[in-house]
């Protein structure tokens, strides 16, 4: 059996007790850690204040811009992870420190926008850089819905229906006629 232990990153958390308990375990153990204090201290050393936002449901969280994301990359795998691995090895545990980016261990989708409350008004903030798999500089792409594609500018364009089947585009009940010779090309289907 594998035991998962979460060591928080708040200022009040002292990891030495947890590391001593982990050293006494006979089972395999995975340690997951936080690092908000290390990130805040690094931001203070850089002269930047951390930015927190409140969601409409009342949850307060960190807004991660590009510079703060770079601080996360420095503080968590560089400082916190290394200190925890050193503490475990000093306690006699053969420990290895990994980041979620290493080998694509952890992946997820990035939110394109965050709903926040500022000055009593609900707003949408963009530019949150809490992304995964090293795509911090890749712009967000909009997806098009296949049910309602954009109306083509030309009658000769081919559209796909919900199942992905190609079908001719018809405007106002006319038949698809790319050559303009009056002959019907393709099945007679009603386009939405």
N, C-alpha and C. Protein backbone atom coordinates (compact mmCIF):
# COMPACT_ATOMS: atom_id res chain seq x y z
N UNK A 1 0.84 -1.17 0.00
CA UNK A 1 0.00 0.00 0.00
C UNK A 1 0.89 1.25 0.00
N UNK A 2 0.47 2.28 -0.72
CA UNK A 2 1.20 3.54 -0.77
C UNK A 2 0.45 4.58 0.05
N UNK A 3 1.18 5.28 0.90
CA UNK A 3 0.61 6.32 1.76
C UNK A 3 0.95 7.67 1.13
N UNK A 4 -0.05 8.56 1.05
CA UNK A 4 0.16 9.92 0.54
C UNK A 4 0.07 10.88 1.72
N UNK A 5 1.12 11.70 1.87
CA UNK A 5 1.18 12.67 2.97
C UNK A 5 1.27 14.06 2.36
N UNK A 6 0.41 14.97 2.80
CA UNK A 6 0.44 16.36 2.34
C UNK A 6 1.04 17.21 3.44
N UNK A 7 2.12 17.90 3.10
CA UNK A 7 2.75 18.83 4.04
C UNK A 7 2.45 20.23 3.52
N UNK A 8 1.71 20.99 4.29
CA UNK A 8 1.30 22.33 3.87
C UNK A 8 2.47 23.30 3.79
N UNK A 9 2.25 24.38 3.10
CA UNK A 9 3.31 25.36 2.92
C UNK A 9 3.10 26.64 3.69
N UNK A 10 2.13 26.65 4.61
CA UNK A 10 1.87 27.86 5.39
C UNK A 10 2.98 28.09 6.41
N UNK A 11 3.07 29.30 6.91
CA UNK A 11 4.13 29.69 7.83
C UNK A 11 4.07 28.89 9.14
N UNK A 12 2.90 28.49 9.58
CA UNK A 12 2.75 27.79 10.87
C UNK A 12 3.14 26.31 10.77
N UNK A 13 3.33 25.77 9.58
CA UNK A 13 3.61 24.34 9.41
C UNK A 13 5.11 24.10 9.58
N UNK A 14 5.45 23.18 10.49
CA UNK A 14 6.84 22.77 10.69
C UNK A 14 6.96 21.34 10.18
N UNK A 15 7.68 21.10 9.08
CA UNK A 15 7.69 19.77 8.48
C UNK A 15 8.54 18.73 9.20
N UNK A 16 9.35 19.10 10.19
CA UNK A 16 10.25 18.12 10.82
C UNK A 16 9.48 16.96 11.46
N UNK A 17 8.38 17.24 12.13
CA UNK A 17 7.59 16.17 12.75
C UNK A 17 7.03 15.22 11.72
N UNK A 18 6.52 15.76 10.61
CA UNK A 18 5.98 14.90 9.55
C UNK A 18 7.09 14.07 8.90
N UNK A 19 8.27 14.67 8.72
CA UNK A 19 9.38 13.93 8.10
C UNK A 19 9.84 12.79 9.01
N UNK A 20 9.84 13.00 10.34
CA UNK A 20 10.21 11.93 11.27
C UNK A 20 9.19 10.81 11.24
N UNK A 21 7.90 11.15 11.13
CA UNK A 21 6.85 10.12 11.05
C UNK A 21 6.97 9.33 9.75
N UNK A 22 7.29 10.01 8.65
CA UNK A 22 7.44 9.34 7.36
C UNK A 22 8.61 8.36 7.41
N UNK A 23 9.69 8.73 8.12
CA UNK A 23 10.87 7.86 8.21
C UNK A 23 10.54 6.56 8.95
N UNK A 24 9.55 6.58 9.83
CA UNK A 24 9.18 5.38 10.59
C UNK A 24 8.20 4.48 9.85
N UNK A 25 7.63 4.92 8.74
CA UNK A 25 6.66 4.11 7.99
C UNK A 25 7.35 2.94 7.30
N UNK A 26 6.63 1.80 7.24
CA UNK A 26 7.14 0.64 6.51
C UNK A 26 6.62 0.61 5.08
N UNK A 27 5.55 1.35 4.79
CA UNK A 27 4.96 1.38 3.45
C UNK A 27 5.66 2.42 2.57
N UNK A 28 5.43 2.29 1.26
CA UNK A 28 5.90 3.32 0.34
C UNK A 28 5.12 4.61 0.62
N UNK A 29 5.77 5.74 0.41
CA UNK A 29 5.15 7.01 0.77
C UNK A 29 5.38 8.04 -0.33
N UNK A 30 4.35 8.79 -0.66
CA UNK A 30 4.44 9.92 -1.58
C UNK A 30 4.14 11.17 -0.77
N UNK A 31 5.04 12.14 -0.83
CA UNK A 31 4.86 13.39 -0.10
C UNK A 31 4.50 14.47 -1.10
N UNK A 32 3.39 15.13 -0.84
CA UNK A 32 2.94 16.26 -1.65
C UNK A 32 3.06 17.48 -0.76
N UNK A 33 3.62 18.56 -1.29
CA UNK A 33 3.86 19.72 -0.42
C UNK A 33 3.33 21.00 -1.04
N UNK A 34 3.09 21.95 -0.18
CA UNK A 34 2.73 23.30 -0.59
C UNK A 34 3.95 24.18 -0.50
N UNK A 35 3.74 25.47 -0.65
CA UNK A 35 4.89 26.38 -0.59
C UNK A 35 4.50 27.83 -0.64
N UNK A 36 3.32 28.16 -0.14
CA UNK A 36 2.86 29.55 -0.24
C UNK A 36 3.78 30.51 0.52
N UNK A 37 4.32 30.07 1.67
CA UNK A 37 5.20 30.93 2.45
C UNK A 37 6.50 31.19 1.68
N UNK A 38 7.07 30.15 1.07
CA UNK A 38 8.31 30.32 0.31
C UNK A 38 8.09 31.25 -0.88
N UNK A 39 6.93 31.13 -1.53
CA UNK A 39 6.62 32.00 -2.67
C UNK A 39 6.46 33.44 -2.20
N UNK A 40 5.73 33.64 -1.10
CA UNK A 40 5.54 34.99 -0.57
C UNK A 40 6.86 35.62 -0.15
N UNK A 41 7.73 34.84 0.52
CA UNK A 41 9.04 35.36 0.93
C UNK A 41 9.90 35.73 -0.27
N UNK A 42 9.85 34.91 -1.33
CA UNK A 42 10.63 35.22 -2.53
C UNK A 42 10.09 36.46 -3.23
N UNK A 43 8.77 36.60 -3.27
CA UNK A 43 8.18 37.81 -3.86
C UNK A 43 8.57 39.05 -3.06
N UNK A 44 8.57 38.94 -1.72
CA UNK A 44 8.99 40.07 -0.88
C UNK A 44 10.44 40.44 -1.15
N UNK A 45 11.30 39.43 -1.31
CA UNK A 45 12.71 39.70 -1.58
C UNK A 45 12.90 40.38 -2.93
N UNK A 46 11.99 40.10 -3.86
CA UNK A 46 12.05 40.72 -5.18
C UNK A 46 11.36 42.09 -5.20
N UNK A 47 10.71 42.46 -4.10
CA UNK A 47 10.03 43.75 -4.02
C UNK A 47 8.66 43.76 -4.67
N UNK A 48 8.04 42.59 -4.76
CA UNK A 48 6.71 42.50 -5.37
C UNK A 48 5.73 41.93 -4.35
N UNK A 49 4.57 42.55 -4.26
CA UNK A 49 3.55 42.07 -3.32
C UNK A 49 2.70 41.00 -3.99
N UNK A 50 2.36 39.91 -3.27
CA UNK A 50 1.47 38.90 -3.86
C UNK A 50 0.08 39.47 -4.05
N UNK A 51 -0.58 39.05 -5.11
CA UNK A 51 -1.93 39.56 -5.41
C UNK A 51 -2.95 38.46 -5.16
N UNK A 52 -3.91 38.76 -4.30
CA UNK A 52 -4.98 37.81 -4.00
C UNK A 52 -6.30 38.37 -4.52
N UNK A 53 -7.16 37.48 -5.01
CA UNK A 53 -8.47 37.87 -5.52
C UNK A 53 -9.53 37.03 -4.83
N UNK A 54 -10.75 37.56 -4.82
CA UNK A 54 -11.88 36.85 -4.23
C UNK A 54 -12.87 36.48 -5.32
N UNK A 55 -13.34 35.23 -5.31
CA UNK A 55 -14.32 34.78 -6.28
C UNK A 55 -15.72 35.19 -5.80
N UNK A 56 -16.72 35.16 -6.69
CA UNK A 56 -18.08 35.49 -6.27
C UNK A 56 -18.62 34.59 -5.16
N UNK A 57 -18.09 33.36 -5.04
CA UNK A 57 -18.54 32.46 -3.98
C UNK A 57 -17.81 32.69 -2.67
N UNK A 58 -16.86 33.65 -2.64
CA UNK A 58 -16.18 34.00 -1.41
C UNK A 58 -14.83 33.36 -1.19
N UNK A 59 -14.35 32.55 -2.14
CA UNK A 59 -13.05 31.89 -2.01
C UNK A 59 -11.95 32.89 -2.39
N UNK A 60 -10.94 32.99 -1.53
CA UNK A 60 -9.82 33.89 -1.80
C UNK A 60 -8.65 33.05 -2.28
N UNK A 61 -8.07 33.45 -3.41
CA UNK A 61 -6.94 32.72 -3.99
C UNK A 61 -5.94 33.66 -4.61
N UNK A 62 -4.79 33.13 -4.92
CA UNK A 62 -3.72 33.92 -5.51
C UNK A 62 -3.96 34.09 -7.00
N UNK A 63 -3.78 35.32 -7.50
CA UNK A 63 -3.81 35.58 -8.94
C UNK A 63 -2.37 35.49 -9.43
N UNK A 64 -2.12 34.55 -10.31
CA UNK A 64 -0.76 34.25 -10.73
C UNK A 64 -0.47 34.87 -12.08
N UNK A 65 0.28 35.97 -12.07
CA UNK A 65 0.71 36.56 -13.33
C UNK A 65 2.02 35.89 -13.76
N UNK A 66 2.59 36.36 -14.86
CA UNK A 66 3.77 35.68 -15.42
C UNK A 66 4.97 35.74 -14.48
N UNK A 67 5.18 36.88 -13.83
CA UNK A 67 6.32 37.01 -12.91
C UNK A 67 6.15 36.12 -11.68
N UNK A 68 4.93 36.04 -11.16
CA UNK A 68 4.67 35.18 -10.02
C UNK A 68 4.83 33.71 -10.39
N UNK A 69 4.46 33.34 -11.63
CA UNK A 69 4.65 31.97 -12.08
C UNK A 69 6.12 31.60 -12.10
N UNK A 70 6.98 32.54 -12.50
CA UNK A 70 8.42 32.29 -12.47
C UNK A 70 8.92 32.09 -11.05
N UNK A 71 8.35 32.84 -10.09
CA UNK A 71 8.72 32.66 -8.68
C UNK A 71 8.29 31.29 -8.19
N UNK A 72 7.10 30.82 -8.59
CA UNK A 72 6.66 29.47 -8.24
C UNK A 72 7.66 28.43 -8.75
N UNK A 73 8.12 28.61 -10.00
CA UNK A 73 9.08 27.66 -10.57
C UNK A 73 10.39 27.65 -9.81
N UNK A 74 10.77 28.79 -9.24
CA UNK A 74 12.01 28.85 -8.46
C UNK A 74 11.81 28.30 -7.05
N UNK A 75 10.75 28.72 -6.37
CA UNK A 75 10.60 28.43 -4.95
C UNK A 75 10.18 26.98 -4.67
N UNK A 76 9.18 26.46 -5.38
CA UNK A 76 8.66 25.14 -5.03
C UNK A 76 9.64 24.01 -5.36
N UNK A 77 10.02 23.82 -6.63
CA UNK A 77 10.96 22.72 -6.89
C UNK A 77 12.38 23.03 -6.41
N UNK A 78 12.76 24.29 -6.42
CA UNK A 78 14.13 24.65 -6.07
C UNK A 78 14.39 24.70 -4.59
N UNK A 79 13.53 25.34 -3.82
CA UNK A 79 13.78 25.55 -2.39
C UNK A 79 13.03 24.55 -1.52
N UNK A 80 11.71 24.51 -1.63
CA UNK A 80 10.89 23.68 -0.73
C UNK A 80 11.15 22.19 -0.98
N UNK A 81 11.09 21.77 -2.24
CA UNK A 81 11.28 20.37 -2.57
C UNK A 81 12.66 19.89 -2.14
N UNK A 82 13.69 20.69 -2.41
CA UNK A 82 15.05 20.31 -2.04
C UNK A 82 15.20 20.20 -0.53
N UNK A 83 14.61 21.12 0.24
CA UNK A 83 14.69 21.06 1.70
C UNK A 83 14.00 19.81 2.26
N UNK A 84 12.83 19.46 1.68
CA UNK A 84 12.12 18.27 2.15
C UNK A 84 12.88 17.00 1.82
N UNK A 85 13.45 16.91 0.62
CA UNK A 85 14.24 15.73 0.24
C UNK A 85 15.47 15.61 1.14
N UNK A 86 16.12 16.73 1.43
CA UNK A 86 17.28 16.71 2.33
C UNK A 86 16.89 16.25 3.72
N UNK A 87 15.75 16.74 4.24
CA UNK A 87 15.26 16.31 5.55
C UNK A 87 14.95 14.83 5.60
N UNK A 88 14.34 14.29 4.54
CA UNK A 88 14.04 12.86 4.49
C UNK A 88 15.32 12.03 4.40
N UNK A 89 16.28 12.47 3.61
CA UNK A 89 17.53 11.72 3.50
C UNK A 89 18.31 11.75 4.81
N UNK A 90 18.27 12.87 5.53
CA UNK A 90 18.91 12.94 6.85
C UNK A 90 18.24 12.01 7.85
N UNK A 91 16.93 11.73 7.65
CA UNK A 91 16.20 10.81 8.53
C UNK A 91 16.35 9.36 8.09
N UNK A 92 17.15 9.11 7.04
CA UNK A 92 17.40 7.74 6.60
C UNK A 92 16.48 7.23 5.51
N UNK A 93 15.72 8.11 4.88
CA UNK A 93 14.81 7.72 3.80
C UNK A 93 15.47 8.04 2.46
N UNK A 94 15.49 7.08 1.56
CA UNK A 94 16.03 7.33 0.22
C UNK A 94 14.95 8.04 -0.59
N UNK A 95 14.99 9.35 -0.62
CA UNK A 95 13.92 10.16 -1.22
C UNK A 95 14.37 10.77 -2.54
N UNK A 96 13.40 10.96 -3.43
CA UNK A 96 13.62 11.61 -4.72
C UNK A 96 12.60 12.74 -4.83
N UNK A 97 13.04 13.92 -5.25
CA UNK A 97 12.14 15.06 -5.41
C UNK A 97 11.78 15.28 -6.87
N UNK A 98 10.49 15.34 -7.15
CA UNK A 98 10.00 15.56 -8.51
C UNK A 98 9.05 16.75 -8.53
N UNK A 99 8.99 17.40 -9.67
CA UNK A 99 8.00 18.44 -9.91
C UNK A 99 6.90 17.85 -10.79
N UNK A 100 5.74 18.45 -10.79
CA UNK A 100 4.65 17.97 -11.64
C UNK A 100 4.96 18.07 -13.12
N UNK A 101 5.90 18.93 -13.48
CA UNK A 101 6.28 19.10 -14.89
C UNK A 101 7.19 17.97 -15.35
N UNK A 102 7.96 17.38 -14.41
CA UNK A 102 8.91 16.33 -14.76
C UNK A 102 8.19 15.13 -15.37
N UNK A 103 8.52 14.84 -16.61
CA UNK A 103 7.93 13.69 -17.30
C UNK A 103 6.44 13.82 -17.53
N UNK A 104 5.89 15.02 -17.44
CA UNK A 104 4.44 15.19 -17.62
C UNK A 104 3.66 14.50 -16.51
N UNK A 105 4.22 14.49 -15.29
CA UNK A 105 3.60 13.80 -14.15
C UNK A 105 2.20 14.31 -13.87
N UNK A 106 2.03 15.63 -13.86
CA UNK A 106 0.73 16.25 -13.61
C UNK A 106 0.40 17.18 -14.76
N UNK A 107 -0.77 17.07 -15.29
CA UNK A 107 -1.21 17.96 -16.36
C UNK A 107 -2.62 18.43 -16.04
N UNK A 108 -3.02 19.50 -16.69
CA UNK A 108 -4.36 20.02 -16.49
C UNK A 108 -4.64 21.11 -17.50
N UNK A 109 -5.89 21.53 -17.55
CA UNK A 109 -6.28 22.60 -18.47
C UNK A 109 -6.24 23.93 -17.74
N UNK A 110 -5.82 24.93 -18.45
CA UNK A 110 -5.73 26.27 -17.90
C UNK A 110 -7.08 26.97 -18.06
N UNK A 111 -7.46 27.74 -17.06
CA UNK A 111 -8.65 28.56 -17.18
C UNK A 111 -8.30 29.79 -18.00
N UNK A 112 -9.12 30.13 -18.96
CA UNK A 112 -8.84 31.30 -19.79
C UNK A 112 -9.17 32.60 -19.06
N UNK A 113 -10.07 32.52 -18.09
CA UNK A 113 -10.46 33.71 -17.33
C UNK A 113 -10.90 33.29 -15.94
N UNK A 114 -10.82 34.22 -15.01
CA UNK A 114 -11.21 33.97 -13.63
C UNK A 114 -12.25 35.01 -13.25
N UNK A 115 -13.37 34.55 -12.65
CA UNK A 115 -14.38 35.49 -12.15
C UNK A 115 -13.95 35.96 -10.77
N UNK A 116 -13.91 37.27 -10.59
CA UNK A 116 -13.47 37.84 -9.31
C UNK A 116 -14.45 38.94 -8.89
N UNK A 117 -14.35 39.32 -7.61
CA UNK A 117 -15.11 40.44 -7.08
C UNK A 117 -14.11 41.51 -6.70
N UNK A 118 -14.22 42.68 -7.34
CA UNK A 118 -13.36 43.82 -7.04
C UNK A 118 -14.23 45.03 -6.75
N UNK A 119 -14.04 45.63 -5.61
CA UNK A 119 -14.81 46.80 -5.18
C UNK A 119 -16.30 46.54 -5.21
N UNK A 120 -16.70 45.33 -4.84
CA UNK A 120 -18.11 44.96 -4.80
C UNK A 120 -18.72 44.63 -6.14
N UNK A 121 -17.93 44.69 -7.23
CA UNK A 121 -18.44 44.38 -8.57
C UNK A 121 -17.83 43.08 -9.08
N UNK A 122 -18.66 42.29 -9.75
CA UNK A 122 -18.17 41.05 -10.35
C UNK A 122 -17.48 41.38 -11.67
N UNK A 123 -16.26 40.85 -11.83
CA UNK A 123 -15.49 41.11 -13.04
C UNK A 123 -14.86 39.81 -13.52
N UNK A 124 -14.39 39.84 -14.75
CA UNK A 124 -13.64 38.72 -15.31
C UNK A 124 -12.22 39.18 -15.52
N UNK A 125 -11.25 38.45 -14.93
CA UNK A 125 -9.83 38.79 -15.08
C UNK A 125 -9.18 37.76 -15.98
N UNK A 126 -8.41 38.25 -16.92
CA UNK A 126 -7.64 37.37 -17.80
C UNK A 126 -6.16 37.59 -17.51
N UNK A 127 -5.33 36.65 -17.93
CA UNK A 127 -3.90 36.79 -17.73
C UNK A 127 -3.38 35.94 -16.60
N UNK A 128 -4.21 35.03 -16.05
CA UNK A 128 -3.75 34.13 -15.01
C UNK A 128 -2.83 33.11 -15.65
N UNK A 129 -1.63 32.95 -15.10
CA UNK A 129 -0.63 32.08 -15.71
C UNK A 129 -0.44 30.78 -14.96
N UNK A 130 -1.41 30.37 -14.18
CA UNK A 130 -1.26 29.09 -13.48
C UNK A 130 -1.62 27.97 -14.45
N UNK A 131 -0.68 27.62 -15.32
CA UNK A 131 -0.86 26.60 -16.36
C UNK A 131 0.08 25.45 -16.10
N UNK A 132 -0.03 24.43 -16.93
CA UNK A 132 0.82 23.26 -16.74
C UNK A 132 1.56 22.92 -18.02
N UNK A 133 2.48 21.98 -17.90
CA UNK A 133 3.26 21.43 -19.00
C UNK A 133 4.04 22.47 -19.77
N UNK A 134 4.50 23.51 -19.10
CA UNK A 134 5.39 24.48 -19.72
C UNK A 134 4.74 25.34 -20.79
N UNK A 135 3.42 25.43 -20.81
CA UNK A 135 2.76 26.22 -21.85
C UNK A 135 2.41 27.61 -21.35
N UNK A 136 3.24 28.18 -20.47
CA UNK A 136 2.91 29.47 -19.86
C UNK A 136 2.90 30.61 -20.86
N UNK A 137 3.54 30.46 -21.98
CA UNK A 137 3.58 31.56 -22.94
C UNK A 137 2.74 31.29 -24.19
N UNK A 138 2.00 30.18 -24.19
CA UNK A 138 1.15 29.87 -25.32
C UNK A 138 -0.21 30.55 -25.16
N UNK A 139 -0.67 31.32 -26.13
CA UNK A 139 -1.96 31.99 -25.97
C UNK A 139 -3.12 31.00 -25.98
N UNK A 140 -4.18 31.38 -25.32
CA UNK A 140 -5.36 30.54 -25.27
C UNK A 140 -6.06 30.58 -26.63
N UNK A 141 -6.47 29.40 -27.12
CA UNK A 141 -7.18 29.34 -28.39
C UNK A 141 -8.66 29.11 -28.15
N UNK A 142 -9.49 29.81 -28.89
CA UNK A 142 -10.93 29.62 -28.78
C UNK A 142 -11.32 28.39 -29.57
N UNK A 143 -12.28 27.66 -29.04
CA UNK A 143 -12.80 26.50 -29.76
C UNK A 143 -14.08 26.90 -30.46
N UNK A 144 -14.28 26.33 -31.64
CA UNK A 144 -15.53 26.58 -32.34
C UNK A 144 -16.48 25.43 -32.10
N UNK A 145 -17.71 25.75 -31.91
CA UNK A 145 -18.73 24.73 -31.73
C UNK A 145 -19.12 24.19 -33.09
N UNK A 146 -19.21 22.86 -33.24
CA UNK A 146 -19.57 22.28 -34.53
C UNK A 146 -21.07 22.40 -34.81
N UNK A 147 -21.87 22.57 -33.77
CA UNK A 147 -23.31 22.69 -34.00
C UNK A 147 -23.67 23.99 -34.70
N UNK A 148 -23.01 25.05 -34.35
CA UNK A 148 -23.32 26.34 -34.95
C UNK A 148 -22.04 26.97 -35.48
N UNK A 149 -21.57 26.49 -36.62
CA UNK A 149 -20.35 27.09 -37.17
C UNK A 149 -20.64 28.49 -37.69
N UNK A 150 -19.58 29.24 -37.87
CA UNK A 150 -19.75 30.57 -38.46
C UNK A 150 -20.36 30.44 -39.84
N UNK A 151 -21.16 31.41 -40.20
CA UNK A 151 -21.79 31.37 -41.51
C UNK A 151 -20.73 31.62 -42.57
N UNK A 152 -20.58 30.69 -43.52
CA UNK A 152 -19.55 30.86 -44.55
C UNK A 152 -19.81 32.08 -45.42
N UNK A 153 -18.75 32.67 -45.89
CA UNK A 153 -18.86 33.83 -46.75
C UNK A 153 -19.16 33.43 -48.19
N UNK A 154 -18.80 32.21 -48.55
CA UNK A 154 -19.00 31.75 -49.92
C UNK A 154 -19.82 30.47 -49.93
N UNK A 155 -20.65 30.31 -50.95
CA UNK A 155 -21.53 29.15 -51.02
C UNK A 155 -20.76 27.86 -51.29
N UNK A 156 -19.55 27.93 -51.77
CA UNK A 156 -18.82 26.71 -52.11
C UNK A 156 -18.10 26.08 -50.92
N UNK A 157 -18.18 26.69 -49.74
CA UNK A 157 -17.53 26.12 -48.57
C UNK A 157 -18.29 24.89 -48.09
N UNK A 158 -17.55 23.93 -47.59
CA UNK A 158 -18.15 22.71 -47.07
C UNK A 158 -18.18 22.80 -45.54
N UNK A 159 -19.31 22.42 -44.94
CA UNK A 159 -19.44 22.40 -43.48
C UNK A 159 -19.56 20.96 -43.02
N UNK A 160 -19.39 20.78 -41.72
CA UNK A 160 -19.55 19.47 -41.12
C UNK A 160 -20.72 19.53 -40.14
N UNK A 161 -21.48 18.44 -40.07
CA UNK A 161 -22.57 18.42 -39.11
C UNK A 161 -22.04 17.93 -37.77
N UNK A 162 -22.92 17.68 -36.83
CA UNK A 162 -22.54 17.32 -35.47
C UNK A 162 -21.70 16.05 -35.44
N UNK A 163 -21.97 15.10 -36.34
CA UNK A 163 -21.22 13.85 -36.37
C UNK A 163 -19.91 13.98 -37.12
N UNK A 164 -19.60 15.13 -37.68
CA UNK A 164 -18.36 15.32 -38.42
C UNK A 164 -18.47 14.95 -39.89
N UNK A 165 -19.70 14.66 -40.37
CA UNK A 165 -19.90 14.27 -41.76
C UNK A 165 -19.92 15.53 -42.62
N UNK A 166 -19.18 15.48 -43.74
CA UNK A 166 -19.16 16.64 -44.62
C UNK A 166 -20.50 16.78 -45.32
N UNK A 167 -20.95 18.00 -45.48
CA UNK A 167 -22.19 18.24 -46.19
C UNK A 167 -22.11 19.60 -46.87
N UNK A 168 -22.84 19.77 -47.95
CA UNK A 168 -22.77 21.05 -48.65
C UNK A 168 -23.49 22.13 -47.87
N UNK A 169 -23.02 23.34 -48.05
CA UNK A 169 -23.66 24.48 -47.40
C UNK A 169 -24.73 25.05 -48.33
N UNK A 170 -25.90 25.31 -47.78
CA UNK A 170 -26.99 25.91 -48.57
C UNK A 170 -27.40 27.20 -47.92
N UNK A 171 -27.65 28.17 -48.73
CA UNK A 171 -28.16 29.45 -48.24
C UNK A 171 -29.60 29.62 -48.70
N UNK A 172 -30.46 29.96 -47.77
CA UNK A 172 -31.88 30.25 -48.06
C UNK A 172 -32.51 29.19 -48.96
N UNK A 173 -32.21 27.93 -48.70
CA UNK A 173 -32.87 26.85 -49.44
C UNK A 173 -32.26 26.54 -50.79
N UNK A 174 -31.21 27.29 -51.22
CA UNK A 174 -30.62 27.00 -52.53
C UNK A 174 -29.73 25.77 -52.45
N UNK A 175 -29.50 25.15 -53.57
CA UNK A 175 -28.69 23.95 -53.66
C UNK A 175 -27.23 24.35 -53.84
N UNK A 176 -26.34 23.57 -53.27
CA UNK A 176 -24.90 23.79 -53.40
C UNK A 176 -24.50 23.67 -54.88
N UNK A 177 -23.93 24.74 -55.43
CA UNK A 177 -23.60 24.75 -56.86
C UNK A 177 -22.29 25.53 -57.06
N UNK A 178 -21.13 24.91 -56.78
CA UNK A 178 -19.87 25.65 -56.84
C UNK A 178 -19.49 26.10 -58.25
N UNK A 179 -19.86 25.34 -59.28
CA UNK A 179 -19.49 25.73 -60.64
C UNK A 179 -20.45 26.74 -61.26
N UNK A 180 -21.61 26.87 -60.70
CA UNK A 180 -22.58 27.83 -61.21
C UNK A 180 -23.27 27.38 -62.48
N UNK A 181 -23.26 26.08 -62.78
CA UNK A 181 -23.89 25.59 -64.01
C UNK A 181 -25.30 25.05 -63.77
N UNK A 182 -25.80 25.21 -62.51
CA UNK A 182 -27.17 24.80 -62.24
C UNK A 182 -27.31 23.34 -61.87
N UNK A 183 -26.23 22.58 -61.87
CA UNK A 183 -26.32 21.17 -61.51
C UNK A 183 -26.03 20.99 -60.03
N UNK A 184 -26.80 20.14 -59.39
CA UNK A 184 -26.68 19.90 -57.95
C UNK A 184 -25.45 19.02 -57.67
N UNK A 185 -24.63 19.41 -56.70
CA UNK A 185 -23.45 18.62 -56.30
C UNK A 185 -23.65 18.20 -54.84
N UNK A 186 -23.89 16.94 -54.55
CA UNK A 186 -24.01 16.46 -53.18
C UNK A 186 -25.45 16.22 -52.80
N UNK A 187 -25.67 15.64 -51.63
CA UNK A 187 -27.02 15.28 -51.20
C UNK A 187 -27.84 16.51 -50.83
N UNK A 188 -29.16 16.37 -51.01
CA UNK A 188 -30.05 17.44 -50.62
C UNK A 188 -30.32 17.31 -49.13
N UNK A 189 -29.68 18.15 -48.35
CA UNK A 189 -29.89 18.15 -46.90
C UNK A 189 -30.23 19.54 -46.45
N UNK A 190 -30.95 19.59 -45.37
CA UNK A 190 -31.34 20.88 -44.83
C UNK A 190 -30.26 21.33 -43.83
N UNK A 191 -29.64 22.46 -44.03
CA UNK A 191 -28.62 22.97 -43.13
C UNK A 191 -29.29 23.76 -42.01
N UNK A 192 -28.75 23.68 -40.80
CA UNK A 192 -29.37 24.43 -39.69
C UNK A 192 -29.15 25.91 -39.83
